[in-house]
Every structure is written in C-alpha cells, then in structure tokens.
C-alpha cells in the first residue's frame, strides 16, 4: 500500500510538470520559451541581454544566395528606447518570462499612476513613463492588465474596446464627423449625430469610434 501511494504521488508530480500553463485566479504567467525567427510575431516580448523587448514590427529580406535575413524593430520595455537588429533565418530567441495581473486604475499625480491589484487589493504605483501614450485612454475605474518582468511593471495593457462618455463636442450635420472629448481625456472623431453625455464604444488600439451604447 505504501509503495502504491508513493508511485501514485510520483506519477502525479511528473504529470504536473508537463501540464499546460493556466491562469491562477486573475494572474497569468508566460514562461521562457525557445523560438526562432520563423515564430516571431508583432507584440511578442523577447528577452535580450536580460531585459524585456517588445517586437514592434519586422521584415524578411530574401537573398539569391544564402539564408534569408530578418530585421526586427524592438522597444525596450524598461528604458523606452527602440532598436533595430538583423538576424539570420533560424536564429534562436527566448521569450521573456512575464506575468500579467488584472488591476484597476484609481488615480494619478504628476509623475505616477496608481492602480489596485484585483487579486490582492494592494496599491501598485507605476511611473507615467511606463504608461507612455496609453495614459490618455485610461478612464476612472478602468480594469486592465499590468505586465511584470522580475517583479517590476514594464507595460500596461488596455482593453482593446472600451466604453467612454462624451464630455465635450460641437454641433454637426448628420452624415459628417466631428471631434469629441471623451471622459478619459482623449479626443477622437465621432459621427455628427452624437451629443454630449452619450456613451460610445471605442477601439483603443486604432483610436476609432465603434458604436453608440446605452
């Protein structure tokens, strides 16, 4: 009986080591994965020289002789700088080990934005430089994801679609568009029939009006 219990525990432990990664509560972890140039995608986070770099875009240059080359434009998520590097086809990379935690925006000051971790309810302070131009889309009480690398927030992931209130706009004819200031402070073009106080859904990636909501 003892031997059977020992073997069962050993098998369960071994199986869990190869089980697919799943989110625990509201936290998702992306582990190190070895990839090559054929697996590079826009938005992927790679570790270079022990720092996290996000793939902004890439291009492949085929050659008459020899292997193709890939030029990748990266953004250093800790320093904010962009770089370009060229690699031979098949060169290896390691994806960065990052952690995404659901959080809620609470308030901001001149230099920082303050969030509440949705799982632990602890306050998280993020430098406005990390948030960068995404700050204009962050609305009061917005739920989003904070991306961590070595326990440091390196990026803020916004909802791709979000509902905002129009707080300022002008009169315009139907069939035309006009600028409107949203509750988050961003300004976008909206259909002429919309009025102040209305709620609209916006694509935060493209800064585009999607639809009127209730």
N, C-alpha and C. Protein backbone atom coordinates (compact mmCIF):
# COMPACT_ATOMS: atom_id res chain seq x y z
N UNK A 1 0.83 -1.22 0.00
CA UNK A 1 0.00 0.00 0.00
C UNK A 1 0.86 1.26 0.00
N UNK A 2 1.91 1.24 0.85
CA UNK A 2 2.78 2.41 0.93
C UNK A 2 3.49 2.63 -0.40
N UNK A 3 3.98 1.52 -1.00
CA UNK A 3 4.67 1.63 -2.28
C UNK A 3 3.73 2.14 -3.36
N UNK A 4 2.46 1.68 -3.34
CA UNK A 4 1.48 2.13 -4.34
C UNK A 4 1.22 3.63 -4.21
N UNK A 5 1.09 4.13 -2.98
CA UNK A 5 0.86 5.55 -2.73
C UNK A 5 2.05 6.38 -3.20
N UNK A 6 3.25 5.84 -2.96
CA UNK A 6 4.46 6.56 -3.38
C UNK A 6 4.53 6.70 -4.89
N UNK A 7 4.22 5.58 -5.60
CA UNK A 7 4.27 5.60 -7.06
C UNK A 7 3.21 6.53 -7.63
N UNK A 8 2.02 6.55 -7.02
CA UNK A 8 0.94 7.44 -7.48
C UNK A 8 1.34 8.89 -7.33
N UNK A 9 1.92 9.25 -6.19
CA UNK A 9 2.37 10.62 -5.96
C UNK A 9 3.44 11.03 -6.95
N UNK A 10 4.35 10.07 -7.25
CA UNK A 10 5.42 10.36 -8.20
C UNK A 10 4.88 10.62 -9.59
N UNK A 11 3.88 9.81 -10.01
CA UNK A 11 3.28 9.99 -11.32
C UNK A 11 2.53 11.30 -11.43
N UNK A 12 1.78 11.66 -10.39
CA UNK A 12 1.04 12.94 -10.39
C UNK A 12 1.99 14.11 -10.47
N UNK A 13 3.09 14.05 -9.69
CA UNK A 13 4.07 15.13 -9.70
C UNK A 13 4.72 15.28 -11.05
N UNK A 14 5.04 14.15 -11.70
CA UNK A 14 5.68 14.20 -13.01
C UNK A 14 4.73 14.76 -14.05
N UNK A 15 3.46 14.37 -13.97
CA UNK A 15 2.48 14.85 -14.95
C UNK A 15 2.28 16.35 -14.83
N UNK A 16 2.27 16.86 -13.59
CA UNK A 16 2.03 18.30 -13.40
C UNK A 16 3.14 19.13 -13.99
N UNK A 17 4.35 18.59 -14.08
CA UNK A 17 5.47 19.34 -14.64
C UNK A 17 5.29 19.60 -16.12
N UNK A 18 4.51 18.72 -16.80
CA UNK A 18 4.29 18.88 -18.24
C UNK A 18 2.90 19.39 -18.56
N UNK A 19 2.12 19.73 -17.54
CA UNK A 19 0.76 20.23 -17.77
C UNK A 19 0.82 21.60 -18.40
N UNK A 20 -0.15 21.96 -19.26
CA UNK A 20 -0.16 23.28 -19.87
C UNK A 20 -0.33 24.36 -18.84
N UNK A 21 0.28 25.51 -19.09
CA UNK A 21 0.21 26.64 -18.18
C UNK A 21 -1.20 27.18 -18.14
N UNK A 22 -1.72 27.45 -16.97
CA UNK A 22 -3.06 28.02 -16.85
C UNK A 22 -3.01 29.21 -15.92
N UNK A 23 -4.01 30.07 -16.03
CA UNK A 23 -4.09 31.25 -15.19
C UNK A 23 -4.51 30.83 -13.80
N UNK A 24 -3.90 31.41 -12.80
CA UNK A 24 -4.27 31.15 -11.43
C UNK A 24 -4.99 32.39 -10.93
N UNK A 25 -6.27 32.24 -10.61
CA UNK A 25 -7.04 33.41 -10.21
C UNK A 25 -7.08 34.42 -11.33
N UNK A 26 -6.57 35.61 -11.06
CA UNK A 26 -6.60 36.68 -12.04
C UNK A 26 -5.21 36.95 -12.60
N UNK A 27 -4.27 36.03 -12.36
CA UNK A 27 -2.89 36.24 -12.79
C UNK A 27 -2.51 35.22 -13.86
N UNK A 28 -1.84 35.69 -14.91
CA UNK A 28 -1.38 34.79 -15.97
C UNK A 28 0.13 34.95 -16.12
N UNK A 29 0.83 33.84 -16.21
CA UNK A 29 2.29 33.86 -16.32
C UNK A 29 2.72 33.26 -17.65
N UNK A 30 3.64 33.95 -18.33
CA UNK A 30 4.22 33.44 -19.56
C UNK A 30 5.66 33.03 -19.27
N UNK A 31 5.98 31.75 -19.42
CA UNK A 31 7.31 31.24 -19.08
C UNK A 31 8.27 31.39 -20.26
N UNK A 32 9.54 31.11 -19.98
CA UNK A 32 10.56 31.12 -21.03
C UNK A 32 10.22 30.08 -22.10
N UNK A 33 10.27 30.48 -23.34
CA UNK A 33 10.06 29.55 -24.46
C UNK A 33 11.12 29.84 -25.51
N UNK A 34 11.82 28.82 -25.98
CA UNK A 34 12.82 29.00 -27.03
C UNK A 34 12.11 29.01 -28.39
N UNK A 35 12.36 30.04 -29.18
CA UNK A 35 11.76 30.17 -30.51
C UNK A 35 12.85 30.58 -31.50
N UNK A 36 12.51 30.52 -32.81
CA UNK A 36 13.45 31.03 -33.81
C UNK A 36 12.76 32.11 -34.63
N UNK A 37 13.45 32.62 -35.64
CA UNK A 37 12.94 33.76 -36.40
C UNK A 37 11.60 33.48 -37.08
N UNK A 38 11.33 32.22 -37.42
CA UNK A 38 10.08 31.89 -38.10
C UNK A 38 8.87 32.05 -37.19
N UNK A 39 9.10 32.15 -35.88
CA UNK A 39 8.00 32.24 -34.91
C UNK A 39 7.81 33.64 -34.35
N UNK A 40 8.60 34.58 -34.82
CA UNK A 40 8.49 35.96 -34.35
C UNK A 40 7.15 36.57 -34.77
N UNK A 41 6.49 37.26 -33.84
CA UNK A 41 5.22 37.93 -34.11
C UNK A 41 5.24 39.33 -33.50
N UNK A 42 4.50 40.25 -34.12
CA UNK A 42 4.36 41.59 -33.56
C UNK A 42 3.70 41.50 -32.18
N UNK A 43 4.23 42.28 -31.24
CA UNK A 43 3.67 42.28 -29.89
C UNK A 43 4.30 41.28 -28.95
N UNK A 44 5.10 40.38 -29.48
CA UNK A 44 5.77 39.36 -28.65
C UNK A 44 6.86 40.02 -27.80
N UNK A 45 7.03 39.53 -26.56
CA UNK A 45 8.07 40.06 -25.68
C UNK A 45 9.24 39.08 -25.61
N UNK A 46 10.41 39.57 -26.01
CA UNK A 46 11.63 38.77 -26.07
C UNK A 46 12.62 39.26 -25.01
N UNK A 47 13.42 38.35 -24.47
CA UNK A 47 14.46 38.76 -23.53
C UNK A 47 15.79 38.84 -24.27
N UNK A 48 16.38 40.03 -24.27
CA UNK A 48 17.69 40.26 -24.86
C UNK A 48 18.58 40.91 -23.81
N UNK A 49 19.75 40.35 -23.60
CA UNK A 49 20.69 40.90 -22.61
C UNK A 49 20.02 41.10 -21.26
N UNK A 50 19.15 40.14 -20.89
CA UNK A 50 18.48 40.12 -19.58
C UNK A 50 17.47 41.26 -19.42
N UNK A 51 17.01 41.83 -20.53
CA UNK A 51 15.99 42.88 -20.46
C UNK A 51 14.85 42.55 -21.43
N UNK A 52 13.62 43.02 -21.12
CA UNK A 52 12.46 42.70 -21.96
C UNK A 52 12.33 43.65 -23.15
N UNK A 53 12.18 43.08 -24.34
CA UNK A 53 12.00 43.87 -25.55
C UNK A 53 10.71 43.41 -26.26
N UNK A 54 9.91 44.36 -26.65
CA UNK A 54 8.67 44.05 -27.38
C UNK A 54 8.91 44.20 -28.88
N UNK A 55 8.44 43.21 -29.66
CA UNK A 55 8.57 43.27 -31.11
C UNK A 55 7.54 44.25 -31.66
N UNK A 56 8.01 45.35 -32.26
CA UNK A 56 7.11 46.34 -32.84
C UNK A 56 6.73 45.97 -34.26
N UNK A 57 7.72 45.59 -35.05
CA UNK A 57 7.47 45.11 -36.41
C UNK A 57 8.74 44.42 -36.92
N UNK A 58 8.60 43.72 -38.03
CA UNK A 58 9.77 43.02 -38.60
C UNK A 58 9.59 42.86 -40.10
N UNK A 59 10.70 42.64 -40.78
CA UNK A 59 10.66 42.42 -42.23
C UNK A 59 11.67 41.34 -42.58
N UNK A 60 11.37 40.58 -43.62
CA UNK A 60 12.24 39.49 -44.06
C UNK A 60 12.82 39.85 -45.42
N UNK A 61 14.13 39.73 -45.54
CA UNK A 61 14.82 40.02 -46.79
C UNK A 61 15.40 38.72 -47.35
N UNK A 62 14.84 38.27 -48.46
CA UNK A 62 15.33 37.05 -49.09
C UNK A 62 16.54 37.37 -49.96
N UNK A 63 17.49 36.46 -49.97
CA UNK A 63 18.71 36.66 -50.73
C UNK A 63 18.84 35.58 -51.81
N UNK A 64 19.46 35.96 -52.92
CA UNK A 64 19.65 35.00 -54.02
C UNK A 64 20.51 33.83 -53.56
N UNK A 65 21.49 34.16 -52.76
CA UNK A 65 22.36 33.11 -52.20
C UNK A 65 22.40 33.24 -50.69
N UNK A 66 22.39 32.10 -50.04
CA UNK A 66 22.47 32.12 -48.59
C UNK A 66 21.09 32.24 -47.95
N UNK A 67 21.09 32.19 -46.62
CA UNK A 67 19.85 32.22 -45.86
C UNK A 67 19.24 33.62 -45.87
N UNK A 68 17.92 33.67 -45.73
CA UNK A 68 17.22 34.95 -45.64
C UNK A 68 17.60 35.65 -44.34
N UNK A 69 17.40 36.96 -44.30
CA UNK A 69 17.68 37.73 -43.09
C UNK A 69 16.41 38.43 -42.62
N UNK A 70 16.30 38.57 -41.32
CA UNK A 70 15.14 39.24 -40.72
C UNK A 70 15.60 40.45 -39.92
N UNK A 71 14.98 41.59 -40.20
CA UNK A 71 15.25 42.80 -39.42
C UNK A 71 14.07 43.04 -38.48
N UNK A 72 14.37 43.16 -37.20
CA UNK A 72 13.33 43.32 -36.19
C UNK A 72 13.50 44.66 -35.47
N UNK A 73 12.40 45.35 -35.32
CA UNK A 73 12.40 46.60 -34.56
C UNK A 73 11.80 46.32 -33.19
N UNK A 74 12.60 46.55 -32.14
CA UNK A 74 12.21 46.27 -30.77
C UNK A 74 12.01 47.56 -29.98
N UNK A 75 11.21 47.46 -28.93
CA UNK A 75 11.13 48.52 -27.92
C UNK A 75 11.54 47.93 -26.59
N UNK A 76 12.54 48.55 -25.95
CA UNK A 76 12.95 48.13 -24.61
C UNK A 76 11.88 48.59 -23.62
N UNK A 77 11.19 47.64 -22.99
CA UNK A 77 10.06 47.98 -22.13
C UNK A 77 10.48 48.56 -20.78
N UNK A 78 11.77 48.51 -20.46
CA UNK A 78 12.25 49.13 -19.22
C UNK A 78 12.76 50.54 -19.47
N UNK A 79 13.37 50.76 -20.62
CA UNK A 79 14.01 52.05 -20.90
C UNK A 79 13.24 52.91 -21.90
N UNK A 80 12.33 52.28 -22.63
CA UNK A 80 11.52 53.02 -23.59
C UNK A 80 12.16 53.27 -24.94
N UNK A 81 13.42 52.85 -25.12
CA UNK A 81 14.12 53.11 -26.37
C UNK A 81 13.81 52.01 -27.39
N UNK A 82 13.88 52.39 -28.67
CA UNK A 82 13.68 51.41 -29.75
C UNK A 82 15.00 51.12 -30.45
N UNK A 83 15.16 49.88 -30.87
CA UNK A 83 16.37 49.46 -31.58
C UNK A 83 15.99 48.59 -32.76
N UNK A 84 16.89 48.45 -33.71
CA UNK A 84 16.71 47.53 -34.83
C UNK A 84 17.88 46.57 -34.86
N UNK A 85 17.57 45.28 -35.07
CA UNK A 85 18.62 44.28 -35.18
C UNK A 85 18.29 43.35 -36.33
N UNK A 86 19.35 42.86 -36.99
CA UNK A 86 19.18 41.94 -38.12
C UNK A 86 19.71 40.56 -37.75
N UNK A 87 18.93 39.54 -38.09
CA UNK A 87 19.28 38.17 -37.74
C UNK A 87 19.22 37.28 -38.98
N UNK A 88 19.99 36.20 -38.96
CA UNK A 88 19.91 35.18 -40.00
C UNK A 88 18.69 34.30 -39.73
N UNK A 89 18.09 33.78 -40.78
CA UNK A 89 16.94 32.89 -40.62
C UNK A 89 17.32 31.70 -39.75
N UNK A 90 16.46 31.40 -38.78
CA UNK A 90 16.70 30.26 -37.90
C UNK A 90 17.38 30.60 -36.59
N UNK A 91 17.83 31.86 -36.42
CA UNK A 91 18.47 32.22 -35.15
C UNK A 91 17.47 32.10 -34.01
N UNK A 92 17.98 31.77 -32.82
CA UNK A 92 17.14 31.47 -31.67
C UNK A 92 16.95 32.68 -30.75
N UNK A 93 15.79 32.69 -30.09
CA UNK A 93 15.47 33.71 -29.09
C UNK A 93 14.83 33.01 -27.90
N UNK A 94 14.73 33.77 -26.80
CA UNK A 94 13.96 33.30 -25.65
C UNK A 94 12.89 34.34 -25.35
N UNK A 95 11.64 33.89 -25.24
CA UNK A 95 10.59 34.82 -24.85
C UNK A 95 10.82 35.21 -23.39
N UNK A 96 10.45 36.43 -23.03
CA UNK A 96 10.66 36.91 -21.67
C UNK A 96 9.64 36.28 -20.73
N UNK A 97 10.06 35.97 -19.53
CA UNK A 97 9.15 35.44 -18.52
C UNK A 97 8.42 36.61 -17.89
N UNK A 98 7.17 36.78 -18.30
CA UNK A 98 6.39 37.91 -17.81
C UNK A 98 5.15 37.42 -17.08
N UNK A 99 4.58 38.31 -16.29
CA UNK A 99 3.38 38.00 -15.53
C UNK A 99 2.37 39.11 -15.74
N UNK A 100 1.14 38.74 -16.07
CA UNK A 100 0.08 39.73 -16.29
C UNK A 100 -0.92 39.66 -15.14
N UNK A 101 -1.14 40.81 -14.49
CA UNK A 101 -2.05 40.84 -13.36
C UNK A 101 -3.18 41.84 -13.61
N UNK A 102 -4.41 41.36 -13.39
CA UNK A 102 -5.56 42.24 -13.53
C UNK A 102 -5.52 43.30 -12.44
N UNK A 103 -5.73 44.55 -12.84
CA UNK A 103 -5.66 45.66 -11.90
C UNK A 103 -6.71 46.70 -12.28
N UNK A 104 -6.96 47.61 -11.35
CA UNK A 104 -7.94 48.68 -11.58
C UNK A 104 -7.28 50.03 -11.34
N UNK A 105 -7.49 50.95 -12.28
CA UNK A 105 -6.93 52.29 -12.15
C UNK A 105 -7.70 53.07 -11.08
N UNK A 106 -6.96 53.76 -10.22
CA UNK A 106 -7.61 54.55 -9.17
C UNK A 106 -7.41 56.06 -9.35
N UNK A 107 -6.14 56.51 -9.45
CA UNK A 107 -5.89 57.94 -9.66
C UNK A 107 -4.46 58.15 -10.14
N UNK A 108 -4.09 59.39 -10.38
CA UNK A 108 -2.72 59.70 -10.83
C UNK A 108 -2.28 61.04 -10.28
N UNK A 109 -0.96 61.25 -10.29
CA UNK A 109 -0.41 62.58 -9.97
C UNK A 109 0.51 62.98 -11.12
N UNK A 110 1.40 63.92 -10.89
CA UNK A 110 2.25 64.44 -11.97
C UNK A 110 3.19 63.38 -12.56
N UNK A 111 3.63 62.45 -11.74
CA UNK A 111 4.66 61.50 -12.18
C UNK A 111 4.24 60.04 -12.22
N UNK A 112 3.16 59.71 -11.53
CA UNK A 112 2.79 58.30 -11.39
C UNK A 112 1.30 58.06 -11.59
N UNK A 113 0.99 56.81 -11.92
CA UNK A 113 -0.39 56.35 -11.95
C UNK A 113 -0.54 55.29 -10.87
N UNK A 114 -1.70 55.26 -10.23
CA UNK A 114 -1.92 54.36 -9.11
C UNK A 114 -3.02 53.36 -9.46
N UNK A 115 -2.72 52.09 -9.19
CA UNK A 115 -3.64 51.01 -9.51
C UNK A 115 -3.86 50.15 -8.28
N UNK A 116 -4.94 49.38 -8.29
CA UNK A 116 -5.20 48.41 -7.24
C UNK A 116 -5.18 47.01 -7.86
N UNK A 117 -4.35 46.13 -7.30
CA UNK A 117 -4.29 44.75 -7.75
C UNK A 117 -5.65 44.09 -7.47
N UNK A 118 -6.28 43.54 -8.50
CA UNK A 118 -7.64 42.99 -8.35
C UNK A 118 -7.68 41.72 -7.52
N UNK A 119 -6.52 41.09 -7.29
CA UNK A 119 -6.47 39.85 -6.51
C UNK A 119 -6.07 40.11 -5.07
N UNK A 120 -5.05 40.95 -4.86
CA UNK A 120 -4.55 41.19 -3.51
C UNK A 120 -5.08 42.49 -2.91
N UNK A 121 -5.63 43.36 -3.77
CA UNK A 121 -6.14 44.69 -3.38
C UNK A 121 -5.03 45.63 -2.91
N UNK A 122 -3.79 45.28 -3.21
CA UNK A 122 -2.67 46.15 -2.85
C UNK A 122 -2.53 47.27 -3.88
N UNK A 123 -2.00 48.40 -3.42
CA UNK A 123 -1.79 49.53 -4.32
C UNK A 123 -0.50 49.31 -5.11
N UNK A 124 -0.57 49.60 -6.41
CA UNK A 124 0.60 49.47 -7.28
C UNK A 124 0.86 50.83 -7.92
N UNK A 125 2.08 51.33 -7.77
CA UNK A 125 2.45 52.63 -8.33
C UNK A 125 3.27 52.41 -9.59
N UNK A 126 2.84 53.04 -10.70
CA UNK A 126 3.52 52.88 -11.99
C UNK A 126 3.95 54.24 -12.51
N UNK A 127 5.22 54.34 -12.88
CA UNK A 127 5.75 55.58 -13.44
C UNK A 127 5.02 55.90 -14.75
N UNK A 128 4.66 57.17 -14.93
CA UNK A 128 3.93 57.58 -16.13
C UNK A 128 4.72 57.30 -17.41
N UNK A 129 6.05 57.21 -17.30
CA UNK A 129 6.87 56.91 -18.48
C UNK A 129 6.61 55.49 -18.98
N UNK A 130 6.26 54.60 -18.07
CA UNK A 130 5.94 53.22 -18.45
C UNK A 130 4.62 53.18 -19.22
N UNK A 131 3.67 53.97 -18.77
CA UNK A 131 2.35 54.00 -19.40
C UNK A 131 2.43 54.67 -20.78
N UNK A 132 3.26 55.69 -20.88
CA UNK A 132 3.52 56.38 -22.15
C UNK A 132 2.23 56.95 -22.73
N UNK A 133 2.02 56.83 -24.04
CA UNK A 133 0.87 57.46 -24.68
C UNK A 133 -0.44 56.72 -24.42
N UNK A 134 -0.40 55.59 -23.72
CA UNK A 134 -1.63 54.88 -23.37
C UNK A 134 -2.41 55.60 -22.26
N UNK A 135 -1.72 56.52 -21.57
CA UNK A 135 -2.35 57.19 -20.44
C UNK A 135 -3.63 57.92 -20.83
N UNK A 136 -3.66 58.46 -22.06
CA UNK A 136 -4.84 59.23 -22.47
C UNK A 136 -6.10 58.38 -22.59
N UNK A 137 -5.94 57.05 -22.64
CA UNK A 137 -7.09 56.16 -22.76
C UNK A 137 -7.55 55.59 -21.43
N UNK A 138 -6.80 55.84 -20.36
CA UNK A 138 -7.14 55.26 -19.06
C UNK A 138 -8.21 56.09 -18.38
N UNK A 139 -9.35 55.47 -18.13
CA UNK A 139 -10.50 56.15 -17.55
C UNK A 139 -10.64 55.76 -16.07
N UNK A 140 -11.36 56.56 -15.33
CA UNK A 140 -11.56 56.30 -13.91
C UNK A 140 -12.18 54.93 -13.68
N UNK A 141 -11.54 54.12 -12.85
CA UNK A 141 -12.07 52.79 -12.52
C UNK A 141 -11.82 51.73 -13.58
N UNK A 142 -11.07 52.05 -14.64
CA UNK A 142 -10.84 51.09 -15.71
C UNK A 142 -10.10 49.85 -15.21
N UNK A 143 -10.57 48.67 -15.62
CA UNK A 143 -9.88 47.42 -15.34
C UNK A 143 -8.97 47.07 -16.52
N UNK A 144 -7.73 46.76 -16.22
CA UNK A 144 -6.73 46.47 -17.26
C UNK A 144 -5.72 45.48 -16.71
N UNK A 145 -4.66 45.22 -17.49
CA UNK A 145 -3.62 44.29 -17.05
C UNK A 145 -2.29 45.02 -16.91
N UNK A 146 -1.61 44.77 -15.81
CA UNK A 146 -0.25 45.26 -15.62
C UNK A 146 0.70 44.10 -15.93
N UNK A 147 1.72 44.39 -16.75
CA UNK A 147 2.67 43.36 -17.16
C UNK A 147 3.95 43.50 -16.34
N UNK A 148 4.34 42.41 -15.67
CA UNK A 148 5.51 42.42 -14.78
C UNK A 148 6.66 41.61 -15.39
N UNK A 149 7.87 42.11 -15.17
CA UNK A 149 9.10 41.38 -15.51
C UNK A 149 10.03 41.53 -14.32
N UNK A 150 10.41 40.42 -13.71
CA UNK A 150 11.22 40.45 -12.48
C UNK A 150 10.60 41.35 -11.42
N UNK A 151 9.29 41.18 -11.23
CA UNK A 151 8.51 41.89 -10.20
C UNK A 151 8.42 43.40 -10.44
N UNK A 152 8.72 43.85 -11.63
CA UNK A 152 8.63 45.27 -11.97
C UNK A 152 7.63 45.45 -13.12
N UNK A 153 6.75 46.45 -12.99
CA UNK A 153 5.78 46.71 -14.05
C UNK A 153 6.50 47.33 -15.24
N UNK A 154 6.37 46.68 -16.40
CA UNK A 154 7.06 47.17 -17.60
C UNK A 154 6.09 47.63 -18.68
N UNK A 155 4.81 47.30 -18.51
CA UNK A 155 3.84 47.67 -19.55
C UNK A 155 2.43 47.63 -18.98
N UNK A 156 1.56 48.44 -19.58
CA UNK A 156 0.15 48.45 -19.22
C UNK A 156 -0.65 48.03 -20.45
N UNK A 157 -1.46 46.98 -20.30
CA UNK A 157 -2.29 46.50 -21.40
C UNK A 157 -3.73 46.96 -21.20
N UNK A 158 -4.22 47.77 -22.12
CA UNK A 158 -5.58 48.29 -22.04
C UNK A 158 -6.58 47.34 -22.69
N UNK A 159 -7.86 47.44 -22.33
CA UNK A 159 -8.87 46.70 -23.08
C UNK A 159 -8.88 47.20 -24.52
N UNK A 160 -9.00 46.30 -25.48
CA UNK A 160 -8.98 46.73 -26.89
C UNK A 160 -10.21 47.57 -27.24
N UNK A 161 -11.34 47.28 -26.59
CA UNK A 161 -12.56 48.07 -26.76
C UNK A 161 -13.02 48.55 -25.40
N UNK A 162 -13.46 49.80 -25.32
CA UNK A 162 -13.89 50.32 -24.02
C UNK A 162 -14.98 51.37 -24.23
N UNK A 163 -15.88 51.46 -23.25
CA UNK A 163 -16.99 52.42 -23.33
C UNK A 163 -16.64 53.69 -22.57
N UNK A 164 -16.72 54.83 -23.27
CA UNK A 164 -16.43 56.14 -22.69
C UNK A 164 -17.65 57.06 -22.83
N UNK A 165 -17.63 58.10 -22.02
CA UNK A 165 -18.67 59.12 -22.09
C UNK A 165 -18.15 60.32 -22.87
N UNK A 166 -18.97 60.86 -23.76
CA UNK A 166 -18.61 62.09 -24.47
C UNK A 166 -18.86 63.26 -23.53
N UNK A 167 -17.80 63.99 -23.19
CA UNK A 167 -17.97 65.11 -22.24
C UNK A 167 -17.96 66.47 -22.95
N UNK A 168 -17.47 66.50 -24.19
CA UNK A 168 -17.47 67.77 -24.92
C UNK A 168 -17.44 67.51 -26.43
N UNK A 169 -18.33 68.18 -27.14
CA UNK A 169 -18.33 68.09 -28.60
C UNK A 169 -19.10 69.28 -29.15
N UNK A 170 -19.17 69.39 -30.45
CA UNK A 170 -19.86 70.51 -31.11
C UNK A 170 -21.05 69.98 -31.90
N UNK A 171 -21.84 70.90 -32.42
CA UNK A 171 -22.95 70.53 -33.29
C UNK A 171 -22.42 70.25 -34.70
N UNK A 172 -23.02 69.27 -35.35
CA UNK A 172 -22.61 68.95 -36.72
C UNK A 172 -23.78 68.31 -37.45
N UNK A 173 -23.73 68.38 -38.75
CA UNK A 173 -24.80 67.80 -39.56
C UNK A 173 -24.67 66.27 -39.56
N UNK A 174 -25.82 65.61 -39.73
CA UNK A 174 -25.82 64.16 -39.85
C UNK A 174 -25.09 63.77 -41.13
N UNK A 175 -24.37 62.68 -41.07
CA UNK A 175 -23.60 62.24 -42.22
C UNK A 175 -22.18 62.76 -42.23
N UNK A 176 -21.85 63.63 -41.25
CA UNK A 176 -20.49 64.15 -41.13
C UNK A 176 -19.87 63.66 -39.82
N UNK A 177 -18.62 63.95 -39.61
CA UNK A 177 -17.96 63.62 -38.35
C UNK A 177 -17.49 64.88 -37.67
N UNK A 178 -17.18 64.75 -36.39
CA UNK A 178 -16.73 65.90 -35.60
C UNK A 178 -15.85 65.41 -34.47
N UNK A 179 -14.99 66.26 -33.92
CA UNK A 179 -14.16 65.85 -32.78
C UNK A 179 -14.98 65.81 -31.49
N UNK A 180 -14.64 64.87 -30.64
CA UNK A 180 -15.31 64.76 -29.34
C UNK A 180 -14.29 64.42 -28.28
N UNK A 181 -14.39 65.07 -27.13
CA UNK A 181 -13.52 64.78 -25.99
C UNK A 181 -14.20 63.74 -25.11
N UNK A 182 -13.47 62.69 -24.80
CA UNK A 182 -14.02 61.59 -24.01
C UNK A 182 -13.71 61.76 -22.53
N UNK A 183 -14.36 60.96 -21.71
CA UNK A 183 -14.19 61.04 -20.26
C UNK A 183 -12.76 60.77 -19.83
N UNK A 184 -11.99 60.05 -20.64
CA UNK A 184 -10.58 59.76 -20.31
C UNK A 184 -9.66 60.91 -20.70
N UNK A 185 -10.18 61.86 -21.50
CA UNK A 185 -9.37 62.99 -21.95
C UNK A 185 -8.95 62.91 -23.40
N UNK A 186 -9.06 61.74 -24.01
CA UNK A 186 -8.68 61.58 -25.42
C UNK A 186 -9.71 62.24 -26.32
N UNK A 187 -9.26 62.64 -27.50
CA UNK A 187 -10.14 63.26 -28.50
C UNK A 187 -10.15 62.38 -29.75
N UNK A 188 -11.35 62.03 -30.21
CA UNK A 188 -11.48 61.23 -31.43
C UNK A 188 -12.59 61.83 -32.31
N UNK A 189 -12.66 61.40 -33.54
CA UNK A 189 -13.75 61.80 -34.43
C UNK A 189 -14.93 60.85 -34.25
N UNK A 190 -16.12 61.46 -34.14
CA UNK A 190 -17.35 60.67 -33.96
C UNK A 190 -18.39 61.14 -34.96
N UNK A 191 -19.43 60.34 -35.20
CA UNK A 191 -20.50 60.77 -36.10
C UNK A 191 -21.17 62.05 -35.62
N UNK A 192 -21.63 62.86 -36.57
CA UNK A 192 -22.21 64.17 -36.24
C UNK A 192 -23.46 64.12 -35.40
N UNK A 193 -24.18 62.99 -35.39
CA UNK A 193 -25.43 62.92 -34.65
C UNK A 193 -25.24 62.72 -33.15
N UNK A 194 -24.04 62.38 -32.70
CA UNK A 194 -23.80 62.14 -31.28
C UNK A 194 -23.74 63.45 -30.50
N UNK A 195 -24.17 63.40 -29.23
CA UNK A 195 -24.22 64.58 -28.39
C UNK A 195 -23.46 64.36 -27.09
N UNK A 196 -23.21 65.46 -26.39
CA UNK A 196 -22.53 65.37 -25.09
C UNK A 196 -23.36 64.53 -24.12
N UNK A 197 -22.68 63.72 -23.31
CA UNK A 197 -23.36 62.88 -22.34
C UNK A 197 -23.63 61.48 -22.83
N UNK A 198 -23.49 61.23 -24.13
CA UNK A 198 -23.74 59.89 -24.67
C UNK A 198 -22.54 58.98 -24.42
N UNK A 199 -22.84 57.67 -24.35
CA UNK A 199 -21.81 56.66 -24.13
C UNK A 199 -21.50 55.98 -25.46
N UNK A 200 -20.21 55.82 -25.75
CA UNK A 200 -19.81 55.19 -27.01
C UNK A 200 -18.70 54.16 -26.76
N UNK A 201 -18.67 53.15 -27.61
CA UNK A 201 -17.60 52.15 -27.55
C UNK A 201 -16.50 52.56 -28.52
N UNK A 202 -15.24 52.48 -28.05
CA UNK A 202 -14.10 52.95 -28.82
C UNK A 202 -13.05 51.86 -28.94
N UNK A 203 -12.44 51.74 -30.11
CA UNK A 203 -11.29 50.87 -30.31
C UNK A 203 -10.06 51.64 -29.83
N UNK A 204 -9.49 51.23 -28.70
CA UNK A 204 -8.37 51.98 -28.12
C UNK A 204 -7.07 51.78 -28.89
N UNK A 205 -6.97 50.69 -29.66
CA UNK A 205 -5.76 50.46 -30.45
C UNK A 205 -5.72 51.39 -31.67
N UNK A 206 -6.88 51.59 -32.30
CA UNK A 206 -6.95 52.39 -33.52
C UNK A 206 -7.48 53.79 -33.28
N UNK A 207 -7.90 54.08 -32.05
CA UNK A 207 -8.49 55.38 -31.70
C UNK A 207 -9.70 55.68 -32.60
N UNK A 208 -10.58 54.69 -32.74
CA UNK A 208 -11.73 54.82 -33.63
C UNK A 208 -13.05 54.56 -32.90
N UNK A 209 -14.07 55.33 -33.28
CA UNK A 209 -15.43 55.11 -32.81
C UNK A 209 -15.96 53.78 -33.35
N UNK A 210 -16.62 53.00 -32.49
CA UNK A 210 -17.19 51.73 -32.94
C UNK A 210 -18.72 51.78 -32.98
N UNK A 211 -19.33 52.20 -31.86
CA UNK A 211 -20.79 52.24 -31.83
C UNK A 211 -21.28 53.03 -30.63
N UNK A 212 -22.53 53.46 -30.71
CA UNK A 212 -23.18 54.10 -29.58
C UNK A 212 -23.69 53.01 -28.63
N UNK A 213 -23.55 53.25 -27.33
CA UNK A 213 -24.05 52.29 -26.33
C UNK A 213 -24.99 53.01 -25.38
N UNK A 214 -25.67 52.23 -24.55
CA UNK A 214 -26.61 52.78 -23.59
C UNK A 214 -25.95 52.94 -22.24
